[in-house]
Amino acid sequence: MTRALPFALAALALAACGPTVGDPCTVPADCGGQFCITRDYAPGGYCTRPCTLADANSCPAGTYCLRDAIAKDTPGCFRLCKSQAECRTGYSCRIASEGLQAVCIGPAGL
């Protein structure tokens, strides 16, 4: 059993290195099977996952659930930010419509 522990820890570490909310994408596979938004407000694609607006824990740490982010009536997680430096090229750190927190969002808004 003790020899299995290093392998389990290595597998856990690799799983944590996968795609995260806000990463660029062209297809869902780029996002580890989650959603890849490829609309005008997501230049270069935007990895996200569905969330529940009333549940702050439905998005991973460092992200925020926005209404209609994936599609109409389908909220999605967006990366939180405090400054422009925290957003990738083509994105701005600002409050999206219907949002209460600043997130990294494309020039067309949400």
PDB file of N, CA and C in Angstrom:
ATOM      1  N   MET A   1       0.811  -1.191   0.000  1.00  0.00           N
ATOM      2  CA  MET A   1       0.000   0.000   0.000  1.00  0.00           C
ATOM      3  C   MET A   1       0.860   1.264   0.000  1.00  0.00           C
ATOM      4  N   THR A   2       1.971   1.262   0.722  1.00  0.00           N
ATOM      5  CA  THR A   2       2.809   2.454   0.795  1.00  0.00           C
ATOM      6  C   THR A   2       3.466   2.761  -0.543  1.00  0.00           C
ATOM      7  N   ARG A   3       3.702   1.741  -1.391  1.00  0.00           N
ATOM      8  CA  ARG A   3       4.285   2.006  -2.704  1.00  0.00           C
ATOM      9  C   ARG A   3       3.270   2.642  -3.641  1.00  0.00           C
ATOM     10  N   ALA A   4       1.998   2.463  -3.383  1.00  0.00           N
ATOM     11  CA  ALA A   4       0.965   3.046  -4.237  1.00  0.00           C
ATOM     12  C   ALA A   4       0.776   4.542  -3.965  1.00  0.00           C
ATOM     13  N   LEU A   5       1.156   4.988  -2.792  1.00  0.00           N
ATOM     14  CA  LEU A   5       0.955   6.394  -2.421  1.00  0.00           C
ATOM     15  C   LEU A   5       1.661   7.371  -3.375  1.00  0.00           C
ATOM     16  N   PRO A   6       2.937   7.150  -3.721  1.00  0.00           N
ATOM     17  CA  PRO A   6       3.578   8.085  -4.654  1.00  0.00           C
ATOM     18  C   PRO A   6       2.870   8.145  -6.006  1.00  0.00           C
ATOM     19  N   PHE A   7       2.367   7.020  -6.481  1.00  0.00           N
ATOM     20  CA  PHE A   7       1.658   7.011  -7.763  1.00  0.00           C
ATOM     21  C   PHE A   7       0.336   7.765  -7.666  1.00  0.00           C
ATOM     22  N   ALA A   8      -0.351   7.603  -6.560  1.00  0.00           N
ATOM     23  CA  ALA A   8      -1.614   8.313  -6.354  1.00  0.00           C
ATOM     24  C   ALA A   8      -1.369   9.821  -6.289  1.00  0.00           C
ATOM     25  N   LEU A   9      -0.312  10.237  -5.597  1.00  0.00           N
ATOM     26  CA  LEU A   9       0.010  11.659  -5.507  1.00  0.00           C
ATOM     27  C   LEU A   9       0.399  12.224  -6.867  1.00  0.00           C
ATOM     28  N   ALA A  10       1.142  11.477  -7.646  1.00  0.00           N
ATOM     29  CA  ALA A  10       1.537  11.921  -8.986  1.00  0.00           C
ATOM     30  C   ALA A  10       0.315  12.075  -9.883  1.00  0.00           C
ATOM     31  N   ALA A  11      -0.619  11.136  -9.804  1.00  0.00           N
ATOM     32  CA  ALA A  11      -1.838  11.216 -10.610  1.00  0.00           C
ATOM     33  C   ALA A  11      -2.665  12.436 -10.211  1.00  0.00           C
ATOM     34  N   LEU A  12      -2.730  12.707  -8.925  1.00  0.00           N
ATOM     35  CA  LEU A  12      -3.465  13.867  -8.443  1.00  0.00           C
ATOM     36  C   LEU A  12      -2.818  15.161  -8.934  1.00  0.00           C
ATOM     37  N   ALA A  13      -1.521  15.230  -8.907  1.00  0.00           N
ATOM     38  CA  ALA A  13      -0.799  16.424  -9.362  1.00  0.00           C
ATOM     39  C   ALA A  13      -1.023  16.655 -10.851  1.00  0.00           C
ATOM     40  N   LEU A  14      -0.998  15.599 -11.649  1.00  0.00           N
ATOM     41  CA  LEU A  14      -1.230  15.739 -13.083  1.00  0.00           C
ATOM     42  C   LEU A  14      -2.650  16.192 -13.377  1.00  0.00           C
ATOM     43  N   ALA A  15      -3.602  15.693 -12.624  1.00  0.00           N
ATOM     44  CA  ALA A  15      -4.993  16.094 -12.831  1.00  0.00           C
ATOM     45  C   ALA A  15      -5.163  17.587 -12.553  1.00  0.00           C
ATOM     46  N   ALA A  16      -4.428  18.108 -11.597  1.00  0.00           N
ATOM     47  CA  ALA A  16      -4.530  19.522 -11.247  1.00  0.00           C
ATOM     48  C   ALA A  16      -3.901  20.424 -12.303  1.00  0.00           C
ATOM     49  N   CYS A  17      -3.125  19.857 -13.228  1.00  0.00           N
ATOM     50  CA  CYS A  17      -2.440  20.645 -14.245  1.00  0.00           C
ATOM     51  C   CYS A  17      -3.249  20.771 -15.530  1.00  0.00           C
ATOM     52  N   GLY A  18      -4.479  20.308 -15.533  1.00  0.00           N
ATOM     53  CA  GLY A  18      -5.303  20.348 -16.731  1.00  0.00           C
ATOM     54  C   GLY A  18      -5.797  21.746 -17.038  1.00  0.00           C
ATOM     55  N   PRO A  19      -6.631  21.866 -18.067  1.00  0.00           N
ATOM     56  CA  PRO A  19      -7.170  23.166 -18.452  1.00  0.00           C
ATOM     57  C   PRO A  19      -7.997  23.787 -17.326  1.00  0.00           C
ATOM     58  N   THR A  20      -7.972  25.101 -17.260  1.00  0.00           N
ATOM     59  CA  THR A  20      -8.726  25.807 -16.232  1.00  0.00           C
ATOM     60  C   THR A  20      -9.668  26.816 -16.878  1.00  0.00           C
ATOM     61  N   VAL A  21     -10.597  27.321 -16.103  1.00  0.00           N
ATOM     62  CA  VAL A  21     -11.530  28.336 -16.581  1.00  0.00           C
ATOM     63  C   VAL A  21     -10.728  29.537 -17.071  1.00  0.00           C
ATOM     64  N   GLY A  22     -11.042  29.976 -18.280  1.00  0.00           N
ATOM     65  CA  GLY A  22     -10.369  31.122 -18.869  1.00  0.00           C
ATOM     66  C   GLY A  22      -9.285  30.760 -19.862  1.00  0.00           C
ATOM     67  N   ASP A  23      -8.904  29.483 -19.918  1.00  0.00           N
ATOM     68  CA  ASP A  23      -7.885  29.067 -20.879  1.00  0.00           C
ATOM     69  C   ASP A  23      -8.424  29.184 -22.307  1.00  0.00           C
ATOM     70  N   PRO A  24      -7.538  29.403 -23.301  1.00  0.00           N
ATOM     71  CA  PRO A  24      -7.975  29.462 -24.695  1.00  0.00           C
ATOM     72  C   PRO A  24      -8.385  28.071 -25.187  1.00  0.00           C
ATOM     73  N   CYS A  25      -9.272  28.036 -26.198  1.00  0.00           N
ATOM     74  CA  CYS A  25      -9.734  26.757 -26.734  1.00  0.00           C
ATOM     75  C   CYS A  25     -10.349  26.957 -28.110  1.00  0.00           C
ATOM     76  N   THR A  26     -10.474  25.855 -28.829  1.00  0.00           N
ATOM     77  CA  THR A  26     -11.224  25.852 -30.082  1.00  0.00           C
ATOM     78  C   THR A  26     -12.326  24.795 -30.059  1.00  0.00           C
ATOM     79  N   VAL A  27     -12.138  23.753 -29.246  1.00  0.00           N
ATOM     80  CA  VAL A  27     -13.129  22.673 -29.101  1.00  0.00           C
ATOM     81  C   VAL A  27     -13.207  22.268 -27.627  1.00  0.00           C
ATOM     82  N   PRO A  28     -14.310  21.635 -27.202  1.00  0.00           N
ATOM     83  CA  PRO A  28     -14.445  21.230 -25.800  1.00  0.00           C
ATOM     84  C   PRO A  28     -13.301  20.351 -25.286  1.00  0.00           C
ATOM     85  N   ALA A  29     -12.703  19.553 -26.153  1.00  0.00           N
ATOM     86  CA  ALA A  29     -11.589  18.695 -25.717  1.00  0.00           C
ATOM     87  C   ALA A  29     -10.423  19.522 -25.190  1.00  0.00           C
ATOM     88  N   ASP A  30     -10.262  20.755 -25.696  1.00  0.00           N
ATOM     89  CA  ASP A  30      -9.209  21.646 -25.203  1.00  0.00           C
ATOM     90  C   ASP A  30      -9.451  22.037 -23.753  1.00  0.00           C
ATOM     91  N   CYS A  31     -10.691  21.883 -23.309  1.00  0.00           N
ATOM     92  CA  CYS A  31     -11.097  22.285 -21.953  1.00  0.00           C
ATOM     93  C   CYS A  31     -11.339  21.075 -21.060  1.00  0.00           C
ATOM     94  N   GLY A  32     -10.763  19.962 -21.394  1.00  0.00           N
ATOM     95  CA  GLY A  32     -10.949  18.769 -20.579  1.00  0.00           C
ATOM     96  C   GLY A  32     -12.382  18.267 -20.615  1.00  0.00           C
ATOM     97  N   GLY A  33     -13.077  18.490 -21.729  1.00  0.00           N
ATOM     98  CA  GLY A  33     -14.439  18.007 -21.865  1.00  0.00           C
ATOM     99  C   GLY A  33     -15.496  18.966 -21.349  1.00  0.00           C
ATOM    100  N   GLN A  34     -15.090  20.109 -20.794  1.00  0.00           N
ATOM    101  CA  GLN A  34     -16.073  21.109 -20.358  1.00  0.00           C
ATOM    102  C   GLN A  34     -16.480  21.940 -21.579  1.00  0.00           C
ATOM    103  N   PHE A  35     -16.943  23.149 -21.385  1.00  0.00           N
ATOM    104  CA  PHE A  35     -17.413  23.976 -22.489  1.00  0.00           C
ATOM    105  C   PHE A  35     -16.302  24.872 -23.030  1.00  0.00           C
ATOM    106  N   CYS A  36     -16.338  25.079 -24.334  1.00  0.00           N
ATOM    107  CA  CYS A  36     -15.439  26.014 -25.009  1.00  0.00           C
ATOM    108  C   CYS A  36     -16.311  27.064 -25.671  1.00  0.00           C
ATOM    109  N   ILE A  37     -16.308  28.273 -25.115  1.00  0.00           N
ATOM    110  CA  ILE A  37     -17.090  29.369 -25.693  1.00  0.00           C
ATOM    111  C   ILE A  37     -16.278  29.962 -26.838  1.00  0.00           C
ATOM    112  N   THR A  38     -16.892  30.061 -28.015  1.00  0.00           N
ATOM    113  CA  THR A  38     -16.189  30.603 -29.184  1.00  0.00           C
ATOM    114  C   THR A  38     -16.970  31.752 -29.816  1.00  0.00           C
ATOM    115  N   ARG A  39     -17.706  32.496 -29.001  1.00  0.00           N
ATOM    116  CA  ARG A  39     -18.463  33.637 -29.515  1.00  0.00           C
ATOM    117  C   ARG A  39     -17.619  34.902 -29.494  1.00  0.00           C
ATOM    118  N   ASP A  40     -18.201  36.003 -29.994  1.00  0.00           N
ATOM    119  CA  ASP A  40     -17.448  37.258 -30.126  1.00  0.00           C
ATOM    120  C   ASP A  40     -16.932  37.798 -28.794  1.00  0.00           C
ATOM    121  N   TYR A  41     -17.551  37.460 -27.690  1.00  0.00           N
ATOM    122  CA  TYR A  41     -17.063  37.948 -26.400  1.00  0.00           C
ATOM    123  C   TYR A  41     -15.982  37.040 -25.812  1.00  0.00           C
ATOM    124  N   ALA A  42     -15.544  36.055 -26.586  1.00  0.00           N
ATOM    125  CA  ALA A  42     -14.505  35.138 -26.117  1.00  0.00           C
ATOM    126  C   ALA A  42     -13.438  34.941 -27.193  1.00  0.00           C
ATOM    127  N   PRO A  43     -12.636  35.985 -27.494  1.00  0.00           N
ATOM    128  CA  PRO A  43     -11.616  35.849 -28.543  1.00  0.00           C
ATOM    129  C   PRO A  43     -10.611  34.750 -28.193  1.00  0.00           C
ATOM    130  N   GLY A  44     -10.342  33.879 -29.175  1.00  0.00           N
ATOM    131  CA  GLY A  44      -9.416  32.773 -28.950  1.00  0.00           C
ATOM    132  C   GLY A  44     -10.041  31.635 -28.161  1.00  0.00           C
ATOM    133  N   GLY A  45     -11.350  31.706 -27.934  1.00  0.00           N
ATOM    134  CA  GLY A  45     -12.053  30.683 -27.163  1.00  0.00           C
ATOM    135  C   GLY A  45     -11.846  30.872 -25.670  1.00  0.00           C
ATOM    136  N   TYR A  46     -12.759  30.314 -24.882  1.00  0.00           N
ATOM    137  CA  TYR A  46     -12.720  30.501 -23.434  1.00  0.00           C
ATOM    138  C   TYR A  46     -13.256  29.243 -22.764  1.00  0.00           C
ATOM    139  N   CYS A  47     -12.400  28.538 -22.058  1.00  0.00           N
ATOM    140  CA  CYS A  47     -12.836  27.350 -21.325  1.00  0.00           C
ATOM    141  C   CYS A  47     -13.702  27.757 -20.142  1.00  0.00           C
ATOM    142  N   THR A  48     -14.813  27.082 -19.978  1.00  0.00           N
ATOM    143  CA  THR A  48     -15.693  27.345 -18.851  1.00  0.00           C
ATOM    144  C   THR A  48     -16.408  26.063 -18.464  1.00  0.00           C
ATOM    145  N   ARG A  49     -17.215  26.163 -17.443  1.00  0.00           N
ATOM    146  CA  ARG A  49     -18.054  25.040 -17.031  1.00  0.00           C
ATOM    147  C   ARG A  49     -19.369  25.605 -16.536  1.00  0.00           C
ATOM    148  N   PRO A  50     -20.439  24.815 -16.620  1.00  0.00           N
ATOM    149  CA  PRO A  50     -21.727  25.305 -16.148  1.00  0.00           C
ATOM    150  C   PRO A  50     -21.705  25.520 -14.639  1.00  0.00           C
ATOM    151  N   CYS A  51     -22.562  26.420 -14.181  1.00  0.00           N
ATOM    152  CA  CYS A  51     -22.634  26.715 -12.750  1.00  0.00           C
ATOM    153  C   CYS A  51     -24.065  27.065 -12.379  1.00  0.00           C
ATOM    154  N   THR A  52     -24.278  27.250 -11.096  1.00  0.00           N
ATOM    155  CA  THR A  52     -25.585  27.625 -10.569  1.00  0.00           C
ATOM    156  C   THR A  52     -25.460  29.013  -9.959  1.00  0.00           C
ATOM    157  N   LEU A  53     -26.242  29.958 -10.446  1.00  0.00           N
ATOM    158  CA  LEU A  53     -26.130  31.349 -10.000  1.00  0.00           C
ATOM    159  C   LEU A  53     -26.263  31.502  -8.490  1.00  0.00           C
ATOM    160  N   ALA A  54     -27.135  30.748  -7.873  1.00  0.00           N
ATOM    161  CA  ALA A  54     -27.378  30.892  -6.435  1.00  0.00           C
ATOM    162  C   ALA A  54     -26.364  30.130  -5.580  1.00  0.00           C
ATOM    163  N   ASP A  55     -25.427  29.407  -6.209  1.00  0.00           N
ATOM    164  CA  ASP A  55     -24.459  28.595  -5.465  1.00  0.00           C
ATOM    165  C   ASP A  55     -23.037  29.073  -5.752  1.00  0.00           C
ATOM    166  N   ALA A  56     -22.461  29.834  -4.829  1.00  0.00           N
ATOM    167  CA  ALA A  56     -21.108  30.376  -5.010  1.00  0.00           C
ATOM    168  C   ALA A  56     -20.061  29.275  -5.144  1.00  0.00           C
ATOM    169  N   ASN A  57     -20.360  28.071  -4.671  1.00  0.00           N
ATOM    170  CA  ASN A  57     -19.405  26.966  -4.745  1.00  0.00           C
ATOM    171  C   ASN A  57     -19.521  26.153  -6.036  1.00  0.00           C
ATOM    172  N   SER A  58     -20.370  26.565  -6.959  1.00  0.00           N
ATOM    173  CA  SER A  58     -20.527  25.793  -8.193  1.00  0.00           C
ATOM    174  C   SER A  58     -19.440  26.108  -9.223  1.00  0.00           C
ATOM    175  N   CYS A  59     -18.631  27.123  -8.962  1.00  0.00           N
ATOM    176  CA  CYS A  59     -17.478  27.443  -9.805  1.00  0.00           C
ATOM    177  C   CYS A  59     -16.212  27.176  -9.013  1.00  0.00           C
ATOM    178  N   PRO A  60     -15.111  26.833  -9.699  1.00  0.00           N
ATOM    179  CA  PRO A  60     -13.838  26.631  -8.986  1.00  0.00           C
ATOM    180  C   PRO A  60     -13.355  27.924  -8.333  1.00  0.00           C
ATOM    181  N   ALA A  61     -12.482  27.787  -7.374  1.00  0.00           N
ATOM    182  CA  ALA A  61     -11.888  28.952  -6.696  1.00  0.00           C
ATOM    183  C   ALA A  61     -11.276  29.883  -7.745  1.00  0.00           C
ATOM    184  N   GLY A  62     -11.449  31.183  -7.545  1.00  0.00           N
ATOM    185  CA  GLY A  62     -10.885  32.168  -8.458  1.00  0.00           C
ATOM    186  C   GLY A  62     -11.751  32.444  -9.669  1.00  0.00           C
ATOM    187  N   THR A  63     -12.974  31.907  -9.681  1.00  0.00           N
ATOM    188  CA  THR A  63     -13.886  32.144 -10.793  1.00  0.00           C
ATOM    189  C   THR A  63     -15.250  32.564 -10.257  1.00  0.00           C
ATOM    190  N   TYR A  64     -16.100  33.058 -11.152  1.00  0.00           N
ATOM    191  CA  TYR A  64     -17.397  33.616 -10.772  1.00  0.00           C
ATOM    192  C   TYR A  64     -18.448  33.188 -11.791  1.00  0.00           C
ATOM    193  N   CYS A  65     -19.619  32.840 -11.323  1.00  0.00           N
ATOM    194  CA  CYS A  65     -20.717  32.371 -12.168  1.00  0.00           C
ATOM    195  C   CYS A  65     -21.466  33.552 -12.783  1.00  0.00           C
ATOM    196  N   LEU A  66     -21.529  33.581 -14.131  1.00  0.00           N
ATOM    197  CA  LEU A  66     -22.231  34.641 -14.853  1.00  0.00           C
ATOM    198  C   LEU A  66     -23.426  34.084 -15.615  1.00  0.00           C
ATOM    199  N   ARG A  67     -24.533  34.791 -15.517  1.00  0.00           N
ATOM    200  CA  ARG A  67     -25.775  34.436 -16.225  1.00  0.00           C
ATOM    201  C   ARG A  67     -25.538  34.447 -17.742  1.00  0.00           C
ATOM    202  N   ASP A  68     -26.129  33.511 -18.434  1.00  0.00           N
ATOM    203  CA  ASP A  68     -26.104  33.432 -19.904  1.00  0.00           C
ATOM    204  C   ASP A  68     -24.694  33.389 -20.500  1.00  0.00           C
ATOM    205  N   ALA A  69     -23.712  32.942 -19.769  1.00  0.00           N
ATOM    206  CA  ALA A  69     -22.325  32.926 -20.258  1.00  0.00           C
ATOM    207  C   ALA A  69     -22.106  31.857 -21.322  1.00  0.00           C
ATOM    208  N   ILE A  70     -22.677  30.681 -21.130  1.00  0.00           N
ATOM    209  CA  ILE A  70     -22.496  29.593 -22.096  1.00  0.00           C
ATOM    210  C   ILE A  70     -23.532  29.712 -23.207  1.00  0.00           C
ATOM    211  N   ALA A  71     -24.754  29.971 -22.828  1.00  0.00           N
ATOM    212  CA  ALA A  71     -25.871  30.160 -23.758  1.00  0.00           C
ATOM    213  C   ALA A  71     -26.993  30.831 -22.983  1.00  0.00           C
ATOM    214  N   LYS A  72     -28.038  31.229 -23.673  1.00  0.00           N
ATOM    215  CA  LYS A  72     -29.181  31.837 -22.973  1.00  0.00           C
ATOM    216  C   LYS A  72     -29.685  30.855 -21.917  1.00  0.00           C
ATOM    217  N   ASP A  73     -29.833  31.337 -20.722  1.00  0.00           N
ATOM    218  CA  ASP A  73     -30.289  30.540 -19.574  1.00  0.00           C
ATOM    219  C   ASP A  73     -29.292  29.467 -19.144  1.00  0.00           C
ATOM    220  N   THR A  74     -28.028  29.558 -19.571  1.00  0.00           N
ATOM    221  CA  THR A  74     -26.999  28.613 -19.144  1.00  0.00           C
ATOM    222  C   THR A  74     -25.809  29.402 -18.601  1.00  0.00           C
ATOM    223  N   PRO A  75     -25.741  29.546 -17.270  1.00  0.00           N
ATOM    224  CA  PRO A  75     -24.622  30.289 -16.679  1.00  0.00           C
ATOM    225  C   PRO A  75     -23.308  29.528 -16.781  1.00  0.00           C
ATOM    226  N   GLY A  76     -22.207  30.270 -16.767  1.00  0.00           N
ATOM    227  CA  GLY A  76     -20.881  29.668 -16.831  1.00  0.00           C
ATOM    228  C   GLY A  76     -19.893  30.420 -15.961  1.00  0.00           C
ATOM    229  N   CYS A  77     -18.820  29.749 -15.605  1.00  0.00           N
ATOM    230  CA  CYS A  77     -17.787  30.321 -14.742  1.00  0.00           C
ATOM    231  C   CYS A  77     -16.810  31.162 -15.573  1.00  0.00           C
ATOM    232  N   PHE A  78     -16.442  32.332 -15.048  1.00  0.00           N
ATOM    233  CA  PHE A  78     -15.442  33.200 -15.669  1.00  0.00           C
ATOM    234  C   PHE A  78     -14.382  33.534 -14.632  1.00  0.00           C
ATOM    235  N   ARG A  79     -13.162  33.715 -15.094  1.00  0.00           N
ATOM    236  CA  ARG A  79     -12.028  33.995 -14.211  1.00  0.00           C
ATOM    237  C   ARG A  79     -12.161  35.363 -13.544  1.00  0.00           C
ATOM    238  N   LEU A  80     -12.037  35.396 -12.225  1.00  0.00           N
ATOM    239  CA  LEU A  80     -12.048  36.651 -11.476  1.00  0.00           C
ATOM    240  C   LEU A  80     -10.733  37.397 -11.686  1.00  0.00           C
ATOM    241  N   CYS A  81     -10.773  38.715 -11.561  1.00  0.00           N
ATOM    242  CA  CYS A  81      -9.553  39.509 -11.685  1.00  0.00           C
ATOM    243  C   CYS A  81      -9.680  40.769 -10.848  1.00  0.00           C
ATOM    244  N   LYS A  82      -8.518  41.324 -10.513  1.00  0.00           N
ATOM    245  CA  LYS A  82      -8.465  42.609  -9.824  1.00  0.00           C
ATOM    246  C   LYS A  82      -7.763  43.651 -10.678  1.00  0.00           C
ATOM    247  N   SER A  83      -7.025  43.172 -11.699  1.00  0.00           N
ATOM    248  CA  SER A  83      -6.318  44.101 -12.583  1.00  0.00           C
ATOM    249  C   SER A  83      -6.206  43.498 -13.977  1.00  0.00           C
ATOM    250  N   GLN A  84      -5.930  44.337 -14.936  1.00  0.00           N
ATOM    251  CA  GLN A  84      -5.773  43.917 -16.324  1.00  0.00           C
ATOM    252  C   GLN A  84      -4.677  42.865 -16.472  1.00  0.00           C
ATOM    253  N   ALA A  85      -3.634  42.953 -15.663  1.00  0.00           N
ATOM    254  CA  ALA A  85      -2.500  42.027 -15.755  1.00  0.00           C
ATOM    255  C   ALA A  85      -2.908  40.578 -15.501  1.00  0.00           C
ATOM    256  N   GLU A  86      -4.031  40.369 -14.856  1.00  0.00           N
ATOM    257  CA  GLU A  86      -4.491  39.012 -14.553  1.00  0.00           C
ATOM    258  C   GLU A  86      -5.252  38.369 -15.707  1.00  0.00           C
ATOM    259  N   CYS A  87      -5.514  39.123 -16.769  1.00  0.00           N
ATOM    260  CA  CYS A  87      -6.270  38.614 -17.909  1.00  0.00           C
ATOM    261  C   CYS A  87      -5.338  38.356 -19.090  1.00  0.00           C
ATOM    262  N   ARG A  88      -5.692  37.377 -19.893  1.00  0.00           N
ATOM    263  CA  ARG A  88      -4.864  37.095 -21.057  1.00  0.00           C
ATOM    264  C   ARG A  88      -5.115  38.130 -22.150  1.00  0.00           C
ATOM    265  N   THR A  89      -4.243  38.169 -23.143  1.00  0.00           N
ATOM    266  CA  THR A  89      -4.327  39.126 -24.241  1.00  0.00           C
ATOM    267  C   THR A  89      -5.696  39.048 -24.911  1.00  0.00           C
ATOM    268  N   GLY A  90      -6.287  40.204 -25.175  1.00  0.00           N
ATOM    269  CA  GLY A  90      -7.595  40.265 -25.813  1.00  0.00           C
ATOM    270  C   GLY A  90      -8.748  40.356 -24.826  1.00  0.00           C
ATOM    271  N   TYR A  91      -8.448  40.280 -23.543  1.00  0.00           N
ATOM    272  CA  TYR A  91      -9.472  40.312 -22.497  1.00  0.00           C
ATOM    273  C   TYR A  91      -9.256  41.511 -21.585  1.00  0.00           C
ATOM    274  N   SER A  92     -10.346  41.987 -20.998  1.00  0.00           N
ATOM    275  CA  SER A  92     -10.294  43.105 -20.061  1.00  0.00           C
ATOM    276  C   SER A  92     -10.831  42.659 -18.715  1.00  0.00           C
ATOM    277  N   CYS A  93     -10.304  43.258 -17.674  1.00  0.00           N
ATOM    278  CA  CYS A  93     -10.782  43.000 -16.322  1.00  0.00           C
ATOM    279  C   CYS A  93     -11.887  44.007 -16.032  1.00  0.00           C
ATOM    280  N   ARG A  94     -13.124  43.545 -16.065  1.00  0.00           N
ATOM    281  CA  ARG A  94     -14.250  44.452 -15.818  1.00  0.00           C
ATOM    282  C   ARG A  94     -15.471  43.683 -15.349  1.00  0.00           C
ATOM    283  N   ILE A  95     -16.440  44.410 -14.862  1.00  0.00           N
ATOM    284  CA  ILE A  95     -17.683  43.791 -14.410  1.00  0.00           C
ATOM    285  C   ILE A  95     -18.555  43.554 -15.634  1.00  0.00           C
ATOM    286  N   ALA A  96     -18.945  42.310 -15.833  1.00  0.00           N
ATOM    287  CA  ALA A  96     -19.814  41.951 -16.949  1.00  0.00           C
ATOM    288  C   ALA A  96     -21.249  42.326 -16.606  1.00  0.00           C
ATOM    289  N   SER A  97     -22.082  42.466 -17.623  1.00  0.00           N
ATOM    290  CA  SER A  97     -23.491  42.745 -17.361  1.00  0.00           C
ATOM    291  C   SER A  97     -24.048  41.649 -16.461  1.00  0.00           C
ATOM    292  N   GLU A  98     -24.873  42.031 -15.522  1.00  0.00           N
ATOM    293  CA  GLU A  98     -25.491  41.107 -14.565  1.00  0.00           C
ATOM    294  C   GLU A  98     -24.502  40.537 -13.551  1.00  0.00           C
ATOM    295  N   GLY A  99     -23.253  40.970 -13.585  1.00  0.00           N
ATOM    296  CA  GLY A  99     -22.263  40.457 -12.650  1.00  0.00           C
ATOM    297  C   GLY A  99     -22.033  41.402 -11.485  1.00  0.00           C
ATOM    298  N   LEU A 100     -21.473  40.865 -10.432  1.00  0.00           N
ATOM    299  CA  LEU A 100     -21.149  41.669  -9.264  1.00  0.00           C
ATOM    300  C   LEU A 100     -19.646  41.719  -9.016  1.00  0.00           C
ATOM    301  N   GLN A 101     -18.905  40.913  -9.747  1.00  0.00           N
ATOM    302  CA  GLN A 101     -17.452  40.817  -9.585  1.00  0.00           C
ATOM    303  C   GLN A 101     -16.782  41.123 -10.914  1.00  0.00           C
ATOM    304  N   ALA A 102     -15.559  41.625 -10.877  1.00  0.00           N
ATOM    305  CA  ALA A 102     -14.788  41.850 -12.104  1.00  0.00           C
ATOM    306  C   ALA A 102     -14.240  40.514 -12.588  1.00  0.00           C
ATOM    307  N   VAL A 103     -14.388  40.283 -13.896  1.00  0.00           N
ATOM    308  CA  VAL A 103     -13.907  39.054 -14.515  1.00  0.00           C
ATOM    309  C   VAL A 103     -13.148  39.406 -15.783  1.00  0.00           C
ATOM    310  N   CYS A 104     -12.347  38.454 -16.264  1.00  0.00           N
ATOM    311  CA  CYS A 104     -11.653  38.617 -17.542  1.00  0.00           C
ATOM    312  C   CYS A 104     -12.652  38.297 -18.644  1.00  0.00           C
ATOM    313  N   ILE A 105     -12.951  39.310 -19.450  1.00  0.00           N
ATOM    314  CA  ILE A 105     -13.965  39.156 -20.490  1.00  0.00           C
ATOM    315  C   ILE A 105     -13.495  39.846 -21.763  1.00  0.00           C
ATOM    316  N   GLY A 106     -13.932  39.340 -22.902  1.00  0.00           N
ATOM    317  CA  GLY A 106     -13.541  39.883 -24.195  1.00  0.00           C
ATOM    318  C   GLY A 106     -14.121  41.257 -24.452  1.00  0.00           C
ATOM    319  N   PRO A 107     -13.693  41.908 -25.541  1.00  0.00           N
ATOM    320  CA  PRO A 107     -14.076  43.289 -25.839  1.00  0.00           C
ATOM    321  C   PRO A 107     -15.565  43.484 -26.102  1.00  0.00           C
ATOM    322  N   ALA A 108     -16.271  42.450 -26.526  1.00  0.00           N
ATOM    323  CA  ALA A 108     -17.699  42.586 -26.813  1.00  0.00           C
ATOM    324  C   ALA A 108     -18.549  42.474 -25.546  1.00  0.00           C
ATOM    325  N   GLY A 109     -17.929  42.206 -24.416  1.00  0.00           N
ATOM    326  CA  GLY A 109     -18.677  42.066 -23.172  1.00  0.00           C
ATOM    327  C   GLY A 109     -19.440  40.755 -23.129  1.00  0.00           C
ATOM    328  N   LEU A 110     -20.442  40.711 -22.287  1.00  0.00           N
ATOM    329  CA  LEU A 110     -21.261  39.495 -22.154  1.00  0.00           C
ATOM    330  C   LEU A 110     -22.704  39.899 -22.073  1.00  0.00           C
TER     331      LEU A 110
END
